[in-house]
């Protein structure tokens, strides 16, 4: 397993610099009502906590687009380079809307898929200005309007999917009850039996948001990602080394994992006998 020192000081929420503050996890003062809540409570004993919200909305949108299909290690330098060249945050949409795509692509190259991501970012900047008039007005919309309306509006932008929209709601809007689903969360929730084995990302999100208290969803998202990196990897989960190797072994159905043969498949490939 990776050393705990490898746990990033920042994740997509941006640590202290991303708004909010570190906070105690309130998950042990009552018995969990669902297994999904019990999983999040157990993760609360393992990882640092964070109060969500506080990021500038459009910067958070850009940051999340940069993180698509790549790691924080790759996307963070791209975000830092972008902000150094095109900031400040309260003028970011105005600046990016007029940037030549080749220049932006070069700036964010470390994030991978830089041609595609630069197109999406510039298109999102143009859309934000056309719809809201300024970066601060977009940020206000994210923080103050109904979460369902914000989510639906963000999803109308080409290149912005459910996970990106949910991250903006969580990390910029500070909205409770939002559990973004990335590839780690999608895999782990189905592997553990917290969602049906064949569930798509949206179905997994619905199961988790329906079974985890609203105030625990944000932490559940970031902690489950970290758990996936340290213990529940796609090809070699820790349980293959024995029950004692995984701290959540007793809460997991291990769907798609054959501990005897050491074989691992996606949960959707499991066929009931």
Protein backbone atom coordinates (compact mmCIF):
# COMPACT_ATOMS: atom_id res chain seq x y z
CA UNK A 1 0.00 0.00 0.00
CA UNK A 2 1.18 3.55 -0.58
CA UNK A 3 2.72 5.38 2.34
CA UNK A 4 0.36 7.78 4.08
CA UNK A 5 2.91 10.50 3.33
CA UNK A 6 1.88 10.10 -0.31
CA UNK A 7 -1.57 11.41 0.55
CA UNK A 8 -1.76 14.79 -1.18
CA UNK A 9 -1.83 17.92 0.94
CA UNK A 10 -4.32 19.18 -1.62
CA UNK A 11 -6.93 17.46 -3.74
CA UNK A 12 -9.30 19.03 -6.19
CA UNK A 13 -10.90 20.94 -3.33
CA UNK A 14 -7.68 22.91 -3.10
CA UNK A 15 -6.85 22.46 0.59
CA UNK A 16 -6.95 25.68 2.59
CA UNK A 17 -6.21 27.67 -0.57
CA UNK A 18 -9.40 26.39 -2.17
CA UNK A 19 -11.71 27.95 0.39
CA UNK A 20 -13.33 26.42 3.42
CA UNK A 21 -11.29 24.99 6.25
CA UNK A 22 -10.23 21.72 7.76
CA UNK A 23 -12.90 20.47 10.15
CA UNK A 24 -13.68 17.56 12.43
CA UNK A 25 -15.61 14.75 10.80
CA UNK A 26 -18.91 14.26 12.60
CA UNK A 27 -19.57 10.65 11.80
CA UNK A 28 -19.14 8.70 15.02
CA UNK A 29 -21.78 10.21 17.30
CA UNK A 30 -24.53 7.84 16.15
CA UNK A 31 -24.87 4.46 14.52
CA UNK A 32 -24.85 4.59 10.73
CA UNK A 33 -28.27 4.05 9.21
CA UNK A 34 -26.98 2.56 5.94
CA UNK A 35 -23.91 0.61 4.87
CA UNK A 36 -22.93 3.49 2.61
CA UNK A 37 -22.92 5.81 5.62
CA UNK A 38 -20.91 3.24 7.58
CA UNK A 39 -18.32 3.19 4.80
CA UNK A 40 -18.01 6.98 4.85
CA UNK A 41 -17.76 6.93 8.66
CA UNK A 42 -14.95 4.38 8.43
CA UNK A 43 -13.16 6.55 5.90
CA UNK A 44 -13.55 9.39 8.38
CA UNK A 45 -11.21 7.51 10.70
CA UNK A 46 -8.57 7.32 7.97
CA UNK A 47 -8.32 10.62 6.13
CA UNK A 48 -8.15 14.34 6.74
CA UNK A 49 -11.32 16.34 6.73
CA UNK A 50 -12.39 19.46 4.84
CA UNK A 51 -15.27 21.88 4.97
CA UNK A 52 -16.33 22.40 1.37
CA UNK A 53 -17.16 25.53 -0.59
CA UNK A 54 -15.29 28.78 -0.98
CA UNK A 55 -13.60 28.33 -4.34
CA UNK A 56 -14.33 30.84 -7.05
CA UNK A 57 -16.95 29.21 -9.23
CA UNK A 58 -15.46 29.69 -12.67
CA UNK A 59 -11.94 28.85 -11.52
CA UNK A 60 -13.37 25.66 -9.99
CA UNK A 61 -15.06 24.81 -13.30
CA UNK A 62 -11.77 25.28 -15.15
CA UNK A 63 -9.87 23.30 -12.54
CA UNK A 64 -12.29 20.39 -12.80
CA UNK A 65 -12.16 20.37 -16.61
CA UNK A 66 -8.37 20.16 -16.34
CA UNK A 67 -8.71 17.17 -13.98
CA UNK A 68 -10.79 15.13 -16.42
CA UNK A 69 -9.11 11.82 -17.36
CA UNK A 70 -5.94 12.64 -15.47
CA UNK A 71 -4.51 12.78 -11.96
CA UNK A 72 -4.21 15.70 -9.58
CA UNK A 73 -0.45 15.38 -10.00
CA UNK A 74 -0.80 16.19 -13.69
CA UNK A 75 -3.67 18.67 -13.53
CA UNK A 76 -2.41 20.80 -10.64
CA UNK A 77 0.63 22.21 -12.53
CA UNK A 78 -1.65 22.95 -15.50
CA UNK A 79 -4.05 24.83 -13.24
CA UNK A 80 -1.21 26.77 -11.63
CA UNK A 81 0.24 27.72 -15.02
CA UNK A 82 -3.16 28.79 -16.30
CA UNK A 83 -3.85 30.99 -13.28
CA UNK A 84 -0.38 32.54 -13.38
CA UNK A 85 -0.81 33.46 -17.04
CA UNK A 86 -4.52 34.28 -17.22
CA UNK A 87 -5.62 35.22 -13.68
CA UNK A 88 -6.94 36.78 -11.50
CA UNK A 89 -9.86 34.51 -10.68
CA UNK A 90 -12.46 37.29 -10.71
CA UNK A 91 -11.64 38.08 -14.35
CA UNK A 92 -10.91 34.55 -15.53
CA UNK A 93 -13.85 34.06 -17.91
CA UNK A 94 -13.25 37.47 -19.49
CA UNK A 95 -9.59 36.64 -20.10
CA UNK A 96 -10.02 33.07 -21.31
CA UNK A 97 -12.83 33.95 -23.72
CA UNK A 98 -10.34 35.89 -25.83
CA UNK A 99 -7.34 33.55 -25.62
CA UNK A 100 -6.01 31.84 -28.78
CA UNK A 101 -6.62 28.12 -28.35
CA UNK A 102 -3.03 27.20 -29.22
CA UNK A 103 -1.72 29.44 -26.46
CA UNK A 104 -4.06 27.97 -23.87
CA UNK A 105 -3.32 24.41 -25.01
CA UNK A 106 0.41 25.04 -24.56
CA UNK A 107 -0.18 26.47 -21.09
CA UNK A 108 -2.17 23.44 -19.87
CA UNK A 109 -0.17 20.77 -21.68
CA UNK A 110 0.74 18.91 -18.47
CA UNK A 111 -2.93 18.02 -17.92
CA UNK A 112 -3.11 15.87 -21.06
CA UNK A 113 -5.78 16.08 -23.76
CA UNK A 114 -4.81 19.74 -23.90
CA UNK A 115 -6.34 20.47 -27.31
CA UNK A 116 -9.71 19.11 -26.25
CA UNK A 117 -9.61 20.74 -22.81
CA UNK A 118 -8.57 24.12 -24.18
CA UNK A 119 -11.56 24.04 -26.53
CA UNK A 120 -13.92 23.22 -23.67
CA UNK A 121 -12.47 25.92 -21.39
CA UNK A 122 -12.70 28.66 -24.01
CA UNK A 123 -16.21 27.59 -24.94
CA UNK A 124 -17.21 27.59 -21.27
CA UNK A 125 -15.74 31.09 -20.80
CA UNK A 126 -17.66 32.43 -23.79
CA UNK A 127 -20.84 30.78 -22.52
CA UNK A 128 -20.41 32.14 -18.98
CA UNK A 129 -20.00 35.71 -20.25
CA UNK A 130 -22.91 35.40 -22.65
CA UNK A 131 -25.20 33.92 -19.98
CA UNK A 132 -24.11 35.84 -16.87
CA UNK A 133 -22.18 38.87 -18.08
CA UNK A 134 -19.13 38.48 -15.86
CA UNK A 135 -17.09 36.02 -13.83
CA UNK A 136 -18.41 37.32 -10.46
CA UNK A 137 -22.02 36.91 -11.63
CA UNK A 138 -21.32 33.31 -12.64
CA UNK A 139 -19.75 32.69 -9.23
CA UNK A 140 -22.79 34.20 -7.52
CA UNK A 141 -25.09 31.92 -9.53
CA UNK A 142 -23.15 28.83 -8.42
CA UNK A 143 -23.25 29.83 -4.76
CA UNK A 144 -26.78 31.14 -4.45
CA UNK A 145 -29.17 29.51 -6.88
CA UNK A 146 -30.99 26.21 -6.47
CA UNK A 147 -28.50 23.31 -6.82
CA UNK A 148 -30.72 21.49 -9.31
CA UNK A 149 -30.87 24.59 -11.50
CA UNK A 150 -27.11 25.10 -11.25
CA UNK A 151 -26.42 21.48 -12.17
CA UNK A 152 -28.79 21.51 -15.14
CA UNK A 153 -27.34 24.79 -16.37
CA UNK A 154 -23.76 23.55 -16.16
CA UNK A 155 -24.67 20.33 -17.96
CA UNK A 156 -25.90 22.41 -20.90
CA UNK A 157 -22.28 23.35 -21.66
CA UNK A 158 -20.63 21.00 -24.16
CA UNK A 159 -17.76 19.18 -22.45
CA UNK A 160 -19.17 19.58 -18.93
CA UNK A 161 -20.44 16.27 -17.58
CA UNK A 162 -22.13 15.26 -14.32
CA UNK A 163 -18.93 14.83 -12.33
CA UNK A 164 -17.66 18.26 -13.37
CA UNK A 165 -20.97 19.92 -12.54
CA UNK A 166 -21.14 18.18 -9.16
CA UNK A 167 -17.58 19.20 -8.27
CA UNK A 168 -18.44 22.84 -8.95
CA UNK A 169 -21.53 22.51 -6.73
CA UNK A 170 -19.45 20.95 -3.96
CA UNK A 171 -16.16 22.84 -4.05
CA UNK A 172 -17.42 26.26 -5.11
CA UNK A 173 -21.02 26.16 -3.95
CA UNK A 174 -20.41 24.21 -0.75
CA UNK A 175 -23.66 22.33 -1.34
CA UNK A 176 -24.55 19.44 0.93
CA UNK A 177 -25.91 16.23 -0.53
CA UNK A 178 -23.63 16.31 -3.57
CA UNK A 179 -21.52 13.17 -4.12
CA UNK A 180 -19.53 13.54 -7.37
CA UNK A 181 -18.76 10.22 -9.07
CA UNK A 182 -15.43 9.80 -10.79
CA UNK A 183 -13.86 6.55 -11.96
CA UNK A 184 -12.70 5.61 -8.44
CA UNK A 185 -16.09 6.23 -6.82
CA UNK A 186 -17.87 4.42 -9.65
CA UNK A 187 -15.66 1.34 -9.26
CA UNK A 188 -15.62 1.23 -5.47
CA UNK A 189 -19.34 1.80 -4.90
CA UNK A 190 -20.24 -1.09 -7.21
CA UNK A 191 -17.42 -3.32 -5.96
CA UNK A 192 -18.51 -2.80 -2.35
CA UNK A 193 -22.16 -3.40 -3.17
CA UNK A 194 -23.26 0.16 -2.38
CA UNK A 195 -24.81 0.38 -5.86
CA UNK A 196 -25.87 -2.22 -8.44
CA UNK A 197 -23.00 -3.88 -10.29
CA UNK A 198 -24.18 -2.58 -13.67
CA UNK A 199 -25.02 0.95 -12.50
CA UNK A 200 -23.72 3.83 -14.60
CA UNK A 201 -22.19 6.94 -13.03
CA UNK A 202 -25.52 8.69 -12.59
CA UNK A 203 -27.13 5.64 -10.97
CA UNK A 204 -24.19 5.32 -8.58
CA UNK A 205 -24.54 8.99 -7.68
CA UNK A 206 -28.24 8.54 -6.96
CA UNK A 207 -27.60 5.56 -4.68
CA UNK A 208 -24.84 7.31 -2.75
CA UNK A 209 -26.69 10.60 -2.35
CA UNK A 210 -29.75 8.65 -1.22
CA UNK A 211 -27.86 6.64 1.39
CA UNK A 212 -25.23 9.05 2.74
CA UNK A 213 -26.31 12.03 4.87
CA UNK A 214 -26.00 15.32 3.01
CA UNK A 215 -23.29 16.68 5.30
CA UNK A 216 -21.08 13.63 4.68
CA UNK A 217 -21.31 13.46 0.88
CA UNK A 218 -18.48 15.89 0.11
CA UNK A 219 -16.04 14.14 2.37
CA UNK A 220 -17.24 10.76 1.11
CA UNK A 221 -16.30 11.76 -2.42
CA UNK A 222 -12.75 12.88 -1.66
CA UNK A 223 -12.08 10.10 0.83
CA UNK A 224 -13.34 7.37 -1.48
CA UNK A 225 -10.99 8.64 -4.19
CA UNK A 226 -8.07 8.47 -1.78
CA UNK A 227 -9.14 5.00 -0.64
CA UNK A 228 -9.16 3.91 -4.28
CA UNK A 229 -5.62 5.15 -4.73
CA UNK A 230 -4.27 3.54 -1.56
CA UNK A 231 -6.29 0.34 -1.21
CA UNK A 232 -8.98 -0.37 -3.79
CA UNK A 233 -7.11 -0.11 -7.08
CA UNK A 234 -8.76 -1.25 -10.28
CA UNK A 235 -6.47 -4.19 -11.03
CA UNK A 236 -5.00 -5.14 -7.65
CA UNK A 237 -7.18 -4.26 -4.67
CA UNK A 238 -5.66 -4.75 -1.23
CA UNK A 239 -8.04 -7.60 -0.32
CA UNK A 240 -6.07 -9.90 -2.64
CA UNK A 241 -3.35 -9.78 0.02
CA UNK A 242 -5.82 -11.01 2.66
CA UNK A 243 -8.65 -9.60 4.76
CA UNK A 244 -6.27 -7.80 7.09
CA UNK A 245 -4.84 -5.76 4.20
CA UNK A 246 -8.02 -3.76 3.66
CA UNK A 247 -9.51 -1.64 6.48
CA UNK A 248 -12.98 -1.80 4.88
CA UNK A 249 -12.98 -5.55 4.22
CA UNK A 250 -15.96 -6.28 6.49
CA UNK A 251 -18.08 -3.61 4.80
CA UNK A 252 -17.39 -4.82 1.25
CA UNK A 253 -19.11 -7.38 -0.99
CA UNK A 254 -16.02 -7.58 -3.26
CA UNK A 255 -18.16 -7.85 -6.39
CA UNK A 256 -15.94 -8.92 -9.29
CA UNK A 257 -13.08 -10.03 -7.05
CA UNK A 258 -12.04 -13.69 -6.75
CA UNK A 259 -9.77 -13.77 -3.72
CA UNK A 260 -8.77 -17.39 -4.27
CA UNK A 261 -7.74 -17.08 -7.91
CA UNK A 262 -6.61 -13.48 -7.63
CA UNK A 263 -8.78 -12.47 -10.56
CA UNK A 264 -10.42 -9.04 -10.74
CA UNK A 265 -13.06 -7.92 -13.24
CA UNK A 266 -15.31 -4.90 -13.44
CA UNK A 267 -18.43 -5.50 -11.30
CA UNK A 268 -20.61 -5.15 -14.40
CA UNK A 269 -19.02 -8.33 -15.79
CA UNK A 270 -20.26 -10.43 -12.90
CA UNK A 271 -23.15 -12.68 -13.88
CA UNK A 272 -25.29 -14.14 -11.14
CA UNK A 273 -25.30 -17.89 -11.29
